[in-house]
Amino acid sequence: MNNKIYLDEEGYKEYLKEIEDLKQEFNNKAKGGTEAAESAIGDGWHDNFDFEEAKKFEYSLSYKLKKKIANLKNIVILKNKSNKYININDYISLTLIYDEDD
C-alpha cells in the first residue's frame, strides 16, 4: 500500500517521538525477556510462561515499530496553510440557523 500520511510539522515531530518511544520500550522489554529466561529453572525458555509472554510482547512491539518506520516514506508534511480550505489541526465552529417556518 502506498497510502499517504498527511502531517504538519508538529505531527511529524510527534510521529518521530512515537518511534523513539517504541524503540526505548522495545529495548526495555528485551531486557525483561532476558531476565525471565535467566530466572527460570532449567534451560530458561522451555515451558517458561514469563519468557513466552515477554517474547510475544516483544514481537508485538517489533511489528509496531517496523510499521511506523516503513510509513515514514509515506508521510507528506504540510507547510503552507490556506485560509480558503480547512487544514489539518484547524478548529472550526458551526452556527446552525433554523428557519422559523421549520
N, C-alpha and C. Protein backbone atom coordinates (compact mmCIF):
# COMPACT_ATOMS: atom_id res chain seq x y z
N MET A 1 0.82 -1.18 0.00
CA MET A 1 0.00 0.00 0.00
C MET A 1 0.87 1.24 0.00
N ASN A 2 0.36 2.24 -0.66
CA ASN A 2 1.09 3.49 -0.73
C ASN A 2 0.19 4.62 -0.24
N ASN A 3 -0.40 4.45 0.92
CA ASN A 3 -1.28 5.46 1.48
C ASN A 3 -0.46 6.59 2.07
N LYS A 4 -0.78 7.79 1.65
CA LYS A 4 -0.08 8.96 2.16
C LYS A 4 -0.57 9.30 3.56
N ILE A 5 0.33 9.77 4.37
CA ILE A 5 0.01 10.23 5.72
C ILE A 5 0.32 11.72 5.74
N TYR A 6 -0.70 12.53 5.93
CA TYR A 6 -0.52 13.98 5.91
C TYR A 6 -0.38 14.50 7.33
N LEU A 7 0.74 15.16 7.59
CA LEU A 7 1.03 15.70 8.91
C LEU A 7 1.57 17.12 8.78
N ASP A 8 1.35 17.91 9.81
CA ASP A 8 2.03 19.19 9.86
C ASP A 8 3.35 18.97 10.59
N GLU A 9 4.13 20.03 10.77
CA GLU A 9 5.45 19.90 11.41
C GLU A 9 5.33 19.28 12.80
N GLU A 10 4.34 19.74 13.57
CA GLU A 10 4.16 19.24 14.93
C GLU A 10 3.79 17.76 14.93
N GLY A 11 2.90 17.37 14.02
CA GLY A 11 2.51 15.98 13.91
C GLY A 11 3.67 15.08 13.52
N TYR A 12 4.54 15.59 12.64
CA TYR A 12 5.71 14.83 12.21
C TYR A 12 6.67 14.62 13.38
N LYS A 13 6.86 15.65 14.19
CA LYS A 13 7.73 15.52 15.37
C LYS A 13 7.15 14.52 16.35
N GLU A 14 5.83 14.54 16.54
CA GLU A 14 5.18 13.57 17.42
C GLU A 14 5.34 12.15 16.88
N TYR A 15 5.24 11.99 15.57
CA TYR A 15 5.40 10.68 14.93
C TYR A 15 6.81 10.14 15.19
N LEU A 16 7.81 11.00 15.03
CA LEU A 16 9.20 10.59 15.30
C LEU A 16 9.40 10.25 16.77
N LYS A 17 8.73 10.99 17.66
CA LYS A 17 8.83 10.71 19.09
C LYS A 17 8.21 9.35 19.41
N GLU A 18 7.09 9.03 18.76
CA GLU A 18 6.46 7.72 18.96
C GLU A 18 7.43 6.60 18.57
N ILE A 19 8.15 6.80 17.48
CA ILE A 19 9.14 5.80 17.05
C ILE A 19 10.22 5.64 18.10
N GLU A 20 10.74 6.75 18.61
CA GLU A 20 11.78 6.69 19.64
C GLU A 20 11.26 6.03 20.91
N ASP A 21 10.02 6.35 21.29
CA ASP A 21 9.42 5.73 22.48
C ASP A 21 9.27 4.22 22.30
N LEU A 22 8.85 3.79 21.10
CA LEU A 22 8.72 2.36 20.82
C LEU A 22 10.08 1.67 20.87
N LYS A 23 11.11 2.33 20.34
CA LYS A 23 12.47 1.75 20.40
C LYS A 23 12.91 1.57 21.85
N GLN A 24 12.67 2.59 22.66
CA GLN A 24 13.07 2.52 24.06
C GLN A 24 12.29 1.43 24.79
N GLU A 25 10.98 1.35 24.54
CA GLU A 25 10.17 0.32 25.18
C GLU A 25 10.61 -1.07 24.72
N PHE A 26 10.94 -1.20 23.45
CA PHE A 26 11.41 -2.48 22.91
C PHE A 26 12.69 -2.91 23.62
N ASN A 27 13.63 -1.98 23.77
CA ASN A 27 14.89 -2.30 24.45
C ASN A 27 14.66 -2.68 25.91
N ASN A 28 13.75 -1.98 26.58
CA ASN A 28 13.44 -2.30 27.98
C ASN A 28 12.79 -3.68 28.10
N LYS A 29 11.88 -4.01 27.18
CA LYS A 29 11.19 -5.31 27.23
C LYS A 29 12.14 -6.44 26.85
N ALA A 30 13.11 -6.16 26.00
CA ALA A 30 14.09 -7.19 25.63
C ALA A 30 14.88 -7.60 26.87
N LYS A 31 15.18 -6.63 27.73
CA LYS A 31 15.87 -6.95 28.98
C LYS A 31 14.99 -7.82 29.86
N GLY A 32 13.67 -7.53 29.86
CA GLY A 32 12.74 -8.32 30.65
C GLY A 32 12.69 -9.77 30.20
N GLY A 33 12.77 -10.00 28.90
CA GLY A 33 12.80 -11.37 28.38
C GLY A 33 14.05 -12.10 28.81
N THR A 34 15.16 -11.40 28.82
CA THR A 34 16.43 -11.99 29.26
C THR A 34 16.35 -12.34 30.74
N GLU A 35 15.79 -11.42 31.53
CA GLU A 35 15.65 -11.68 32.97
C GLU A 35 14.72 -12.86 33.23
N ALA A 36 13.64 -12.97 32.46
CA ALA A 36 12.70 -14.08 32.62
C ALA A 36 13.38 -15.40 32.30
N ALA A 37 14.23 -15.41 31.29
CA ALA A 37 14.94 -16.63 30.93
C ALA A 37 15.98 -16.99 31.98
N GLU A 38 16.67 -15.98 32.51
CA GLU A 38 17.71 -16.24 33.50
C GLU A 38 17.15 -16.70 34.83
N SER A 39 15.95 -16.21 35.18
CA SER A 39 15.38 -16.56 36.48
C SER A 39 14.64 -17.90 36.46
N ALA A 40 14.49 -18.49 35.29
CA ALA A 40 13.75 -19.74 35.18
C ALA A 40 14.59 -20.94 35.57
N ILE A 41 13.88 -21.98 35.96
CA ILE A 41 14.54 -23.24 36.29
C ILE A 41 14.74 -24.01 34.99
N GLY A 42 15.83 -24.66 34.85
CA GLY A 42 16.10 -25.46 33.65
C GLY A 42 16.83 -24.66 32.60
N ASP A 43 16.41 -24.85 31.34
CA ASP A 43 17.13 -24.19 30.25
C ASP A 43 16.71 -22.74 30.02
N GLY A 44 15.74 -22.23 30.76
CA GLY A 44 15.41 -20.81 30.71
C GLY A 44 14.25 -20.45 29.82
N TRP A 45 14.01 -21.19 28.77
CA TRP A 45 12.92 -20.80 27.88
C TRP A 45 11.87 -21.88 27.72
N HIS A 46 12.20 -23.11 27.97
CA HIS A 46 11.26 -24.20 27.80
C HIS A 46 10.22 -24.18 28.91
N ASP A 47 8.94 -24.13 28.54
CA ASP A 47 7.82 -24.10 29.50
C ASP A 47 7.93 -22.95 30.49
N ASN A 48 8.37 -21.82 30.02
CA ASN A 48 8.51 -20.63 30.87
C ASN A 48 7.49 -19.60 30.41
N PHE A 49 6.39 -19.49 31.18
CA PHE A 49 5.29 -18.59 30.80
C PHE A 49 5.76 -17.14 30.72
N ASP A 50 6.53 -16.67 31.69
CA ASP A 50 7.00 -15.28 31.68
C ASP A 50 7.85 -14.98 30.45
N PHE A 51 8.70 -15.92 30.10
CA PHE A 51 9.55 -15.74 28.92
C PHE A 51 8.71 -15.70 27.65
N GLU A 52 7.73 -16.61 27.56
CA GLU A 52 6.87 -16.64 26.37
C GLU A 52 6.06 -15.36 26.24
N GLU A 53 5.53 -14.85 27.35
CA GLU A 53 4.77 -13.60 27.32
C GLU A 53 5.67 -12.42 26.94
N ALA A 54 6.87 -12.40 27.46
CA ALA A 54 7.82 -11.33 27.12
C ALA A 54 8.14 -11.37 25.63
N LYS A 55 8.31 -12.56 25.08
CA LYS A 55 8.61 -12.70 23.66
C LYS A 55 7.42 -12.25 22.79
N LYS A 56 6.21 -12.63 23.19
CA LYS A 56 5.02 -12.21 22.44
C LYS A 56 4.91 -10.69 22.43
N PHE A 57 5.14 -10.08 23.58
CA PHE A 57 5.06 -8.62 23.68
C PHE A 57 6.17 -7.98 22.85
N GLU A 58 7.34 -8.58 22.87
CA GLU A 58 8.47 -8.08 22.09
C GLU A 58 8.16 -8.15 20.59
N TYR A 59 7.55 -9.24 20.13
CA TYR A 59 7.18 -9.36 18.72
C TYR A 59 6.14 -8.31 18.35
N SER A 60 5.19 -8.07 19.25
CA SER A 60 4.16 -7.06 19.01
C SER A 60 4.79 -5.67 18.86
N LEU A 61 5.69 -5.33 19.77
CA LEU A 61 6.38 -4.04 19.69
C LEU A 61 7.21 -3.94 18.42
N SER A 62 7.86 -5.03 18.08
CA SER A 62 8.69 -5.06 16.87
C SER A 62 7.84 -4.78 15.63
N TYR A 63 6.66 -5.38 15.57
CA TYR A 63 5.76 -5.17 14.43
C TYR A 63 5.34 -3.70 14.35
N LYS A 64 4.93 -3.13 15.49
CA LYS A 64 4.51 -1.72 15.52
C LYS A 64 5.65 -0.81 15.08
N LEU A 65 6.83 -1.09 15.56
CA LEU A 65 8.00 -0.27 15.24
C LEU A 65 8.33 -0.35 13.74
N LYS A 66 8.33 -1.56 13.19
CA LYS A 66 8.62 -1.73 11.77
C LYS A 66 7.58 -1.03 10.91
N LYS A 67 6.32 -1.10 11.32
CA LYS A 67 5.24 -0.46 10.57
C LYS A 67 5.40 1.06 10.59
N LYS A 68 5.71 1.62 11.76
CA LYS A 68 5.92 3.08 11.87
C LYS A 68 7.10 3.52 11.00
N ILE A 69 8.18 2.77 11.06
CA ILE A 69 9.37 3.13 10.28
C ILE A 69 9.08 3.01 8.78
N ALA A 70 8.36 1.97 8.38
CA ALA A 70 8.01 1.79 6.96
C ALA A 70 7.11 2.93 6.47
N ASN A 71 6.26 3.44 7.34
CA ASN A 71 5.34 4.52 6.96
C ASN A 71 6.03 5.87 6.85
N LEU A 72 7.27 5.98 7.30
CA LEU A 72 7.98 7.25 7.20
C LEU A 72 8.05 7.75 5.75
N LYS A 73 8.19 6.82 4.82
CA LYS A 73 8.30 7.22 3.40
C LYS A 73 6.97 7.71 2.84
N ASN A 74 5.86 7.43 3.52
CA ASN A 74 4.54 7.85 3.06
C ASN A 74 4.09 9.18 3.65
N ILE A 75 4.90 9.75 4.51
CA ILE A 75 4.50 10.99 5.18
C ILE A 75 4.69 12.18 4.25
N VAL A 76 3.66 12.99 4.20
CA VAL A 76 3.71 14.26 3.47
C VAL A 76 3.53 15.35 4.51
N ILE A 77 4.52 16.24 4.60
CA ILE A 77 4.46 17.32 5.59
C ILE A 77 3.81 18.53 4.94
N LEU A 78 2.72 18.98 5.54
CA LEU A 78 2.01 20.15 5.03
C LEU A 78 2.62 21.40 5.64
N LYS A 79 3.02 22.32 4.80
CA LYS A 79 3.69 23.52 5.29
C LYS A 79 2.83 24.77 5.13
N ASN A 80 2.34 25.00 3.95
CA ASN A 80 1.58 26.22 3.70
C ASN A 80 0.11 25.99 3.99
N LYS A 81 -0.42 26.78 4.89
CA LYS A 81 -1.83 26.67 5.19
C LYS A 81 -2.60 27.71 4.38
N SER A 82 -3.70 27.28 3.85
CA SER A 82 -4.54 28.17 3.08
C SER A 82 -5.74 28.57 3.93
N ASN A 83 -6.12 29.81 3.84
CA ASN A 83 -7.32 30.26 4.55
C ASN A 83 -8.58 29.89 3.78
N LYS A 84 -8.39 29.41 2.58
CA LYS A 84 -9.51 29.08 1.72
C LYS A 84 -10.11 27.70 2.06
N TYR A 85 -9.29 26.83 2.65
CA TYR A 85 -9.71 25.47 2.94
C TYR A 85 -9.44 25.13 4.40
N ILE A 86 -10.14 24.12 4.89
CA ILE A 86 -9.89 23.62 6.24
C ILE A 86 -8.66 22.72 6.16
N ASN A 87 -7.72 22.94 7.05
CA ASN A 87 -6.47 22.18 7.05
C ASN A 87 -6.39 21.28 8.28
N ILE A 88 -5.38 20.44 8.30
CA ILE A 88 -5.13 19.59 9.46
C ILE A 88 -4.87 20.46 10.67
N ASN A 89 -5.43 20.08 11.80
CA ASN A 89 -5.31 20.79 13.09
C ASN A 89 -6.05 22.12 13.13
N ASP A 90 -6.87 22.42 12.14
CA ASP A 90 -7.69 23.63 12.19
C ASP A 90 -8.90 23.37 13.07
N TYR A 91 -9.31 24.38 13.78
CA TYR A 91 -10.53 24.31 14.57
C TYR A 91 -11.59 25.13 13.86
N ILE A 92 -12.78 24.58 13.79
CA ILE A 92 -13.86 25.30 13.14
C ILE A 92 -15.05 25.34 14.08
N SER A 93 -15.90 26.32 13.90
CA SER A 93 -17.15 26.35 14.66
C SER A 93 -18.28 26.54 13.67
N LEU A 94 -19.36 25.86 13.93
CA LEU A 94 -20.53 25.93 13.06
C LEU A 94 -21.66 26.57 13.82
N THR A 95 -22.39 27.39 13.15
CA THR A 95 -23.58 28.00 13.73
C THR A 95 -24.77 27.52 12.92
N LEU A 96 -25.70 26.88 13.61
CA LEU A 96 -26.90 26.38 12.94
C LEU A 96 -27.97 27.45 13.04
N ILE A 97 -28.50 27.83 11.91
CA ILE A 97 -29.56 28.83 11.87
C ILE A 97 -30.81 28.14 11.34
N TYR A 98 -31.83 28.14 12.17
CA TYR A 98 -33.08 27.50 11.80
C TYR A 98 -34.06 28.54 11.29
N ASP A 99 -34.77 28.14 10.27
CA ASP A 99 -35.82 28.99 9.74
C ASP A 99 -37.03 28.87 10.67
N GLU A 100 -37.71 29.96 10.94
CA GLU A 100 -38.84 29.94 11.86
C GLU A 100 -39.99 29.08 11.35
N ASP A 101 -40.05 28.85 10.06
CA ASP A 101 -41.12 28.04 9.47
C ASP A 101 -40.92 26.56 9.72
N ASP A 102 -39.73 26.14 10.08
CA ASP A 102 -39.44 24.71 10.27
C ASP A 102 -39.89 24.22 11.59
